[in-house]
PDB file of N, CA and C in Angstrom:
ATOM      1  N   MET A   1      40.601  42.071  39.785  1.00  0.00           N
ATOM      2  CA  MET A   1      39.438  42.857  40.176  1.00  0.00           C
ATOM      3  C   MET A   1      40.032  44.218  40.604  1.00  0.00           C
ATOM      4  N   GLU A   2      39.403  45.328  40.099  1.00  0.00           N
ATOM      5  CA  GLU A   2      39.878  46.567  40.476  1.00  0.00           C
ATOM      6  C   GLU A   2      39.064  46.974  41.799  1.00  0.00           C
ATOM      7  N   ILE A   3      39.715  47.519  42.780  1.00  0.00           N
ATOM      8  CA  ILE A   3      39.032  48.090  43.955  1.00  0.00           C
ATOM      9  C   ILE A   3      38.989  49.551  43.849  1.00  0.00           C
ATOM     10  N   ASN A   4      37.902  50.100  44.308  1.00  0.00           N
ATOM     11  CA  ASN A   4      37.743  51.554  44.232  1.00  0.00           C
ATOM     12  C   ASN A   4      37.882  52.220  43.043  1.00  0.00           C
ATOM     13  N   LYS A   5      37.523  51.626  41.839  1.00  0.00           N
ATOM     14  CA  LYS A   5      37.606  52.311  40.682  1.00  0.00           C
ATOM     15  C   LYS A   5      36.575  53.409  40.558  1.00  0.00           C
ATOM     16  N   LEU A   6      36.936  54.584  40.053  1.00  0.00           N
ATOM     17  CA  LEU A   6      35.971  55.654  40.108  1.00  0.00           C
ATOM     18  C   LEU A   6      35.134  55.669  38.867  1.00  0.00           C
ATOM     19  N   HIS A   7      33.851  55.948  38.893  1.00  0.00           N
ATOM     20  CA  HIS A   7      32.965  55.980  37.795  1.00  0.00           C
ATOM     21  C   HIS A   7      32.495  57.492  37.739  1.00  0.00           C
ATOM     22  N   THR A   8      31.989  57.945  36.528  1.00  0.00           N
ATOM     23  CA  THR A   8      31.461  59.275  36.497  1.00  0.00           C
ATOM     24  C   THR A   8      29.973  59.244  36.464  1.00  0.00           C
ATOM     25  N   PHE A   9      29.382  60.116  37.258  1.00  0.00           N
ATOM     26  CA  PHE A   9      27.895  60.083  37.325  1.00  0.00           C
ATOM     27  C   PHE A   9      27.346  61.574  36.968  1.00  0.00           C
ATOM     28  N   LEU A  10      26.267  61.537  36.449  1.00  0.00           N
ATOM     29  CA  LEU A  10      25.655  62.861  36.113  1.00  0.00           C
ATOM     30  C   LEU A  10      24.485  63.005  37.001  1.00  0.00           C
ATOM     31  N   LEU A  11      24.650  63.838  37.951  1.00  0.00           N
ATOM     32  CA  LEU A  11      23.414  64.080  38.960  1.00  0.00           C
ATOM     33  C   LEU A  11      22.820  65.476  38.970  1.00  0.00           C
ATOM     34  N   SER A  12      21.550  65.388  39.296  1.00  0.00           N
ATOM     35  CA  SER A  12      20.973  66.731  39.491  1.00  0.00           C
ATOM     36  C   SER A  12      20.318  66.725  40.808  1.00  0.00           C
ATOM     37  N   PHE A  13      20.260  67.941  41.385  1.00  0.00           N
ATOM     38  CA  PHE A  13      19.622  68.140  42.690  1.00  0.00           C
ATOM     39  C   PHE A  13      19.132  69.502  42.674  1.00  0.00           C
ATOM     40  N   LYS A  14      18.251  69.652  43.674  1.00  0.00           N
ATOM     41  CA  LYS A  14      17.681  71.097  43.944  1.00  0.00           C
ATOM     42  C   LYS A  14      18.414  71.708  45.163  1.00  0.00           C
ATOM     43  N   LEU A  15      18.666  72.942  44.955  1.00  0.00           N
ATOM     44  CA  LEU A  15      19.327  73.784  46.036  1.00  0.00           C
ATOM     45  C   LEU A  15      18.615  75.023  46.025  1.00  0.00           C
ATOM     46  N   ASN A  16      17.844  75.314  47.017  1.00  0.00           N
ATOM     47  CA  ASN A  16      17.086  76.406  47.204  1.00  0.00           C
ATOM     48  C   ASN A  16      16.159  76.647  46.162  1.00  0.00           C
ATOM     49  N   GLY A  17      15.548  75.554  45.701  1.00  0.00           N
ATOM     50  CA  GLY A  17      14.447  75.384  44.605  1.00  0.00           C
ATOM     51  C   GLY A  17      14.890  75.472  43.247  1.00  0.00           C
ATOM     52  N   LYS A  18      16.159  75.656  42.997  1.00  0.00           N
ATOM     53  CA  LYS A  18      16.823  75.575  41.624  1.00  0.00           C
ATOM     54  C   LYS A  18      17.463  74.363  41.400  1.00  0.00           C
ATOM     55  N   VAL A  19      17.286  73.869  40.190  1.00  0.00           N
ATOM     56  CA  VAL A  19      17.928  72.605  39.810  1.00  0.00           C
ATOM     57  C   VAL A  19      19.510  72.824  39.466  1.00  0.00           C
ATOM     58  N   GLN A  20      20.234  72.071  40.115  1.00  0.00           N
ATOM     59  CA  GLN A  20      21.801  72.158  39.836  1.00  0.00           C
ATOM     60  C   GLN A  20      22.149  70.771  39.115  1.00  0.00           C
ATOM     61  N   VAL A  21      23.074  70.839  38.137  1.00  0.00           N
ATOM     62  CA  VAL A  21      23.512  69.534  37.545  1.00  0.00           C
ATOM     63  C   VAL A  21      24.995  69.439  37.659  1.00  0.00           C
ATOM     64  N   HIS A  22      25.638  68.336  38.102  1.00  0.00           N
ATOM     65  CA  HIS A  22      26.973  68.183  38.362  1.00  0.00           C
ATOM     66  C   HIS A  22      27.424  66.873  37.912  1.00  0.00           C
ATOM     67  N   THR A  23      28.547  66.791  37.318  1.00  0.00           N
ATOM     68  CA  THR A  23      29.296  65.474  37.049  1.00  0.00           C
ATOM     69  C   THR A  23      30.162  65.122  38.324  1.00  0.00           C
ATOM     70  N   ILE A  24      30.045  63.987  38.810  1.00  0.00           N
ATOM     71  CA  ILE A  24      30.660  63.600  40.053  1.00  0.00           C
ATOM     72  C   ILE A  24      31.428  62.303  39.773  1.00  0.00           C
ATOM     73  N   GLU A  25      32.778  62.214  40.146  1.00  0.00           N
ATOM     74  CA  GLU A  25      33.477  60.969  40.114  1.00  0.00           C
ATOM     75  C   GLU A  25      33.338  60.338  41.470  1.00  0.00           C
ATOM     76  N   ALA A  26      32.917  59.006  41.585  1.00  0.00           N
ATOM     77  CA  ALA A  26      32.713  58.266  42.789  1.00  0.00           C
ATOM     78  C   ALA A  26      32.880  56.861  42.493  1.00  0.00           C
ATOM     79  N   ILE A  27      32.929  56.003  43.704  1.00  0.00           N
ATOM     80  CA  ILE A  27      32.958  54.580  43.532  1.00  0.00           C
ATOM     81  C   ILE A  27      31.731  53.966  43.081  1.00  0.00           C
ATOM     82  N   ASN A  28      30.517  54.464  43.570  1.00  0.00           N
ATOM     83  CA  ASN A  28      29.351  53.968  43.120  1.00  0.00           C
ATOM     84  C   ASN A  28      28.082  55.244  43.404  1.00  0.00           C
ATOM     85  N   LEU A  29      27.062  54.848  42.920  1.00  0.00           N
ATOM     86  CA  LEU A  29      25.995  55.905  43.021  1.00  0.00           C
ATOM     87  C   LEU A  29      25.763  56.466  44.350  1.00  0.00           C
ATOM     88  N   ARG A  30      25.673  55.621  45.351  1.00  0.00           N
ATOM     89  CA  ARG A  30      25.574  56.002  46.696  1.00  0.00           C
ATOM     90  C   ARG A  30      26.670  56.988  47.163  1.00  0.00           C
ATOM     91  N   HIS A  31      27.976  56.580  46.747  1.00  0.00           N
ATOM     92  CA  HIS A  31      29.019  57.432  47.121  1.00  0.00           C
ATOM     93  C   HIS A  31      28.930  58.854  46.512  1.00  0.00           C
ATOM     94  N   ALA A  32      28.404  58.814  45.156  1.00  0.00           N
ATOM     95  CA  ALA A  32      28.187  60.058  44.413  1.00  0.00           C
ATOM     96  C   ALA A  32      27.205  60.892  45.271  1.00  0.00           C
ATOM     97  N   LYS A  33      26.176  60.389  45.526  1.00  0.00           N
ATOM     98  CA  LYS A  33      25.040  61.107  46.253  1.00  0.00           C
ATOM     99  C   LYS A  33      25.586  61.627  47.662  1.00  0.00           C
ATOM    100  N   GLU A  34      26.394  60.856  48.260  1.00  0.00           N
ATOM    101  CA  GLU A  34      26.956  61.329  49.611  1.00  0.00           C
ATOM    102  C   GLU A  34      28.029  62.459  49.409  1.00  0.00           C
ATOM    103  N   LYS A  35      28.653  62.471  48.272  1.00  0.00           N
ATOM    104  CA  LYS A  35      29.544  63.603  47.956  1.00  0.00           C
ATOM    105  C   LYS A  35      28.743  64.941  47.726  1.00  0.00           C
ATOM    106  N   ILE A  36      27.657  64.763  47.047  1.00  0.00           N
ATOM    107  CA  ILE A  36      26.790  65.998  46.763  1.00  0.00           C
ATOM    108  C   ILE A  36      26.274  66.426  48.266  1.00  0.00           C
ATOM    109  N   LEU A  37      25.821  65.546  49.068  1.00  0.00           N
ATOM    110  CA  LEU A  37      25.196  66.012  50.391  1.00  0.00           C
ATOM    111  C   LEU A  37      26.339  66.555  51.322  1.00  0.00           C
ATOM    112  N   PHE A  38      27.557  66.136  51.073  1.00  0.00           N
ATOM    113  CA  PHE A  38      28.670  66.581  51.867  1.00  0.00           C
ATOM    114  C   PHE A  38      29.054  67.952  51.354  1.00  0.00           C
ATOM    115  N   SER A  39      28.914  68.304  50.173  1.00  0.00           N
ATOM    116  CA  SER A  39      29.291  69.581  49.469  1.00  0.00           C
ATOM    117  C   SER A  39      28.024  70.582  49.722  1.00  0.00           C
ATOM    118  N   TYR A  40      26.846  70.086  49.459  1.00  0.00           N
ATOM    119  CA  TYR A  40      25.654  70.869  49.626  1.00  0.00           C
ATOM    120  C   TYR A  40      24.678  70.172  50.559  1.00  0.00           C
ATOM    121  N   ASP A  41      24.719  70.488  51.834  1.00  0.00           N
ATOM    122  CA  ASP A  41      23.925  69.860  52.828  1.00  0.00           C
ATOM    123  C   ASP A  41      22.503  70.241  52.714  1.00  0.00           C
ATOM    124  N   GLU A  42      22.095  71.245  51.979  1.00  0.00           N
ATOM    125  CA  GLU A  42      20.672  71.570  51.802  1.00  0.00           C
ATOM    126  C   GLU A  42      20.118  71.036  50.441  1.00  0.00           C
ATOM    127  N   ALA A  43      20.924  70.233  49.832  1.00  0.00           N
ATOM    128  CA  ALA A  43      20.441  69.599  48.538  1.00  0.00           C
ATOM    129  C   ALA A  43      19.389  68.619  48.849  1.00  0.00           C
ATOM    130  N   THR A  44      18.418  68.552  47.844  1.00  0.00           N
ATOM    131  CA  THR A  44      17.238  67.713  47.882  1.00  0.00           C
ATOM    132  C   THR A  44      16.894  67.285  46.491  1.00  0.00           C
ATOM    133  N   ASP A  45      16.204  66.211  46.394  1.00  0.00           N
ATOM    134  CA  ASP A  45      15.688  65.603  45.134  1.00  0.00           C
ATOM    135  C   ASP A  45      16.930  65.158  44.219  1.00  0.00           C
ATOM    136  N   ILE A  46      17.882  64.460  44.791  1.00  0.00           N
ATOM    137  CA  ILE A  46      19.133  63.964  44.011  1.00  0.00           C
ATOM    138  C   ILE A  46      18.632  62.888  43.039  1.00  0.00           C
ATOM    139  N   ARG A  47      18.974  63.201  41.720  1.00  0.00           N
ATOM    140  CA  ARG A  47      18.621  62.331  40.754  1.00  0.00           C
ATOM    141  C   ARG A  47      19.882  61.898  39.835  1.00  0.00           C
ATOM    142  N   ASP A  48      19.854  60.662  39.407  1.00  0.00           N
ATOM    143  CA  ASP A  48      20.899  60.221  38.480  1.00  0.00           C
ATOM    144  C   ASP A  48      20.471  60.129  37.084  1.00  0.00           C
ATOM    145  N   TRP A  49      21.280  60.898  36.257  1.00  0.00           N
ATOM    146  CA  TRP A  49      20.933  61.112  34.838  1.00  0.00           C
ATOM    147  C   TRP A  49      21.871  60.389  34.025  1.00  0.00           C
ATOM    148  N   THR A  50      22.778  59.641  34.568  1.00  0.00           N
ATOM    149  CA  THR A  50      23.911  58.973  33.819  1.00  0.00           C
ATOM    150  C   THR A  50      23.599  58.172  32.725  1.00  0.00           C
ATOM    151  N   LEU A  51      22.459  57.362  32.784  1.00  0.00           N
ATOM    152  CA  LEU A  51      22.187  56.618  31.723  1.00  0.00           C
ATOM    153  C   LEU A  51      20.920  57.130  30.920  1.00  0.00           C
ATOM    154  N   GLU A  52      20.492  58.308  31.236  1.00  0.00           N
ATOM    155  CA  GLU A  52      19.260  58.801  30.706  1.00  0.00           C
ATOM    156  C   GLU A  52      19.720  59.683  29.410  1.00  0.00           C
ATOM    157  N   LYS A  53      18.761  59.865  28.510  1.00  0.00           N
ATOM    158  CA  LYS A  53      19.052  60.711  27.346  1.00  0.00           C
ATOM    159  C   LYS A  53      19.149  62.247  27.951  1.00  0.00           C
ATOM    160  N   LYS A  54      19.869  62.910  27.257  1.00  0.00           N
ATOM    161  CA  LYS A  54      20.255  64.370  27.691  1.00  0.00           C
ATOM    162  C   LYS A  54      18.809  65.082  27.431  1.00  0.00           C
ATOM    163  N   LYS A  55      18.033  64.668  26.516  1.00  0.00           N
ATOM    164  CA  LYS A  55      16.783  65.354  26.288  1.00  0.00           C
ATOM    165  C   LYS A  55      15.924  65.298  27.467  1.00  0.00           C
ATOM    166  N   GLU A  56      15.935  64.144  28.110  1.00  0.00           N
ATOM    167  CA  GLU A  56      15.084  63.935  29.274  1.00  0.00           C
ATOM    168  C   GLU A  56      15.538  64.906  30.440  1.00  0.00           C
ATOM    169  N   LEU A  57      16.748  65.026  30.632  1.00  0.00           N
ATOM    170  CA  LEU A  57      17.389  65.954  31.688  1.00  0.00           C
ATOM    171  C   LEU A  57      16.987  67.456  31.327  1.00  0.00           C
ATOM    172  N   GLN A  58      16.965  67.815  30.034  1.00  0.00           N
ATOM    173  CA  GLN A  58      16.545  69.214  29.655  1.00  0.00           C
ATOM    174  C   GLN A  58      15.147  69.366  29.905  1.00  0.00           C
ATOM    175  N   LYS A  59      14.297  68.356  29.703  1.00  0.00           N
ATOM    176  CA  LYS A  59      12.714  68.547  30.007  1.00  0.00           C
ATOM    177  C   LYS A  59      12.625  68.601  31.512  1.00  0.00           C
ATOM    178  N   TYR A  60      13.369  67.924  32.266  1.00  0.00           N
ATOM    179  CA  TYR A  60      13.245  67.995  33.719  1.00  0.00           C
ATOM    180  C   TYR A  60      13.619  69.350  34.142  1.00  0.00           C
ATOM    181  N   ILE A  61      14.828  69.832  33.698  1.00  0.00           N
ATOM    182  CA  ILE A  61      15.264  71.262  34.085  1.00  0.00           C
ATOM    183  C   ILE A  61      14.217  72.328  33.737  1.00  0.00           C
ATOM    184  N   LEU A  62      13.760  72.261  32.488  1.00  0.00           N
ATOM    185  CA  LEU A  62      12.735  73.222  31.957  1.00  0.00           C
ATOM    186  C   LEU A  62      11.466  73.239  32.831  1.00  0.00           C
ATOM    187  N   LYS A  63      11.007  71.951  33.198  1.00  0.00           N
ATOM    188  CA  LYS A  63       9.777  71.811  33.947  1.00  0.00           C
ATOM    189  C   LYS A  63       9.982  72.450  35.345  1.00  0.00           C
ATOM    190  N   ASN A  64      11.113  72.218  35.983  1.00  0.00           N
ATOM    191  CA  ASN A  64      11.311  72.789  37.234  1.00  0.00           C
ATOM    192  C   ASN A  64      11.506  74.189  37.282  1.00  0.00           C
ATOM    193  N   LYS A  65      12.115  74.731  36.151  1.00  0.00           N
ATOM    194  CA  LYS A  65      12.121  76.263  36.089  1.00  0.00           C
ATOM    195  C   LYS A  65      10.820  76.921  35.940  1.00  0.00           C
ATOM    196  N   VAL A  66      10.024  76.261  35.160  1.00  0.00           N
ATOM    197  CA  VAL A  66       8.600  76.741  35.087  1.00  0.00           C
ATOM    198  C   VAL A  66       7.867  76.802  36.314  1.00  0.00           C
ATOM    199  N   LEU A  67       8.093  75.720  37.050  1.00  0.00           N
ATOM    200  CA  LEU A  67       7.392  75.558  38.450  1.00  0.00           C
ATOM    201  C   LEU A  67       7.932  76.741  39.333  1.00  0.00           C
ATOM    202  N   ALA A  68       9.306  76.791  39.337  1.00  0.00           N
ATOM    203  CA  ALA A  68       9.891  77.879  40.275  1.00  0.00           C
ATOM    204  C   ALA A  68       9.476  79.209  39.907  1.00  0.00           C
ATOM    205  N   ASP A  69       9.334  79.433  38.605  1.00  0.00           N
ATOM    206  CA  ASP A  69       8.844  80.822  38.142  1.00  0.00           C
ATOM    207  C   ASP A  69       7.375  80.987  38.578  1.00  0.00           C
ATOM    208  N   THR A  70       6.552  80.080  38.423  1.00  0.00           N
ATOM    209  CA  THR A  70       5.195  80.205  38.819  1.00  0.00           C
ATOM    210  C   THR A  70       5.023  80.307  40.278  1.00  0.00           C
ATOM    211  N   GLU A  71       5.912  79.687  41.119  1.00  0.00           N
ATOM    212  CA  GLU A  71       5.713  79.938  42.599  1.00  0.00           C
ATOM    213  C   GLU A  71       6.242  81.208  42.886  1.00  0.00           C
ATOM    214  N   GLN A  72       7.201  81.825  42.252  1.00  0.00           N
ATOM    215  CA  GLN A  72       7.644  83.179  42.726  1.00  0.00           C
ATOM    216  C   GLN A  72       6.632  84.137  42.313  1.00  0.00           C
ATOM    217  N   LYS A  73       5.757  84.022  41.288  1.00  0.00           N
ATOM    218  CA  LYS A  73       4.836  85.046  40.899  1.00  0.00           C
ATOM    219  C   LYS A  73       3.579  85.055  41.855  1.00  0.00           C
ATOM    220  N   THR A  74       3.306  83.848  42.508  1.00  0.00           N
ATOM    221  CA  THR A  74       2.200  83.875  43.459  1.00  0.00           C
ATOM    222  C   THR A  74       2.531  84.304  44.782  1.00  0.00           C
TER     223      THR A  74
END
């Protein structure tokens, strides 16, 4: 049994209202999220996209960009 084997996770999070996407190597998902929070303590809405289709991630990013643009105009 391998101990502390690193896995690659595709995570998104919001930082100052903008969606950021990062690939993180970590032991597990919890560790990956902790690494994000350690590097970006203001990060919110951390999501795992590792097993999702890339098209779904693109839709999420576009939706949040439109929402952010709408909020800036008002």
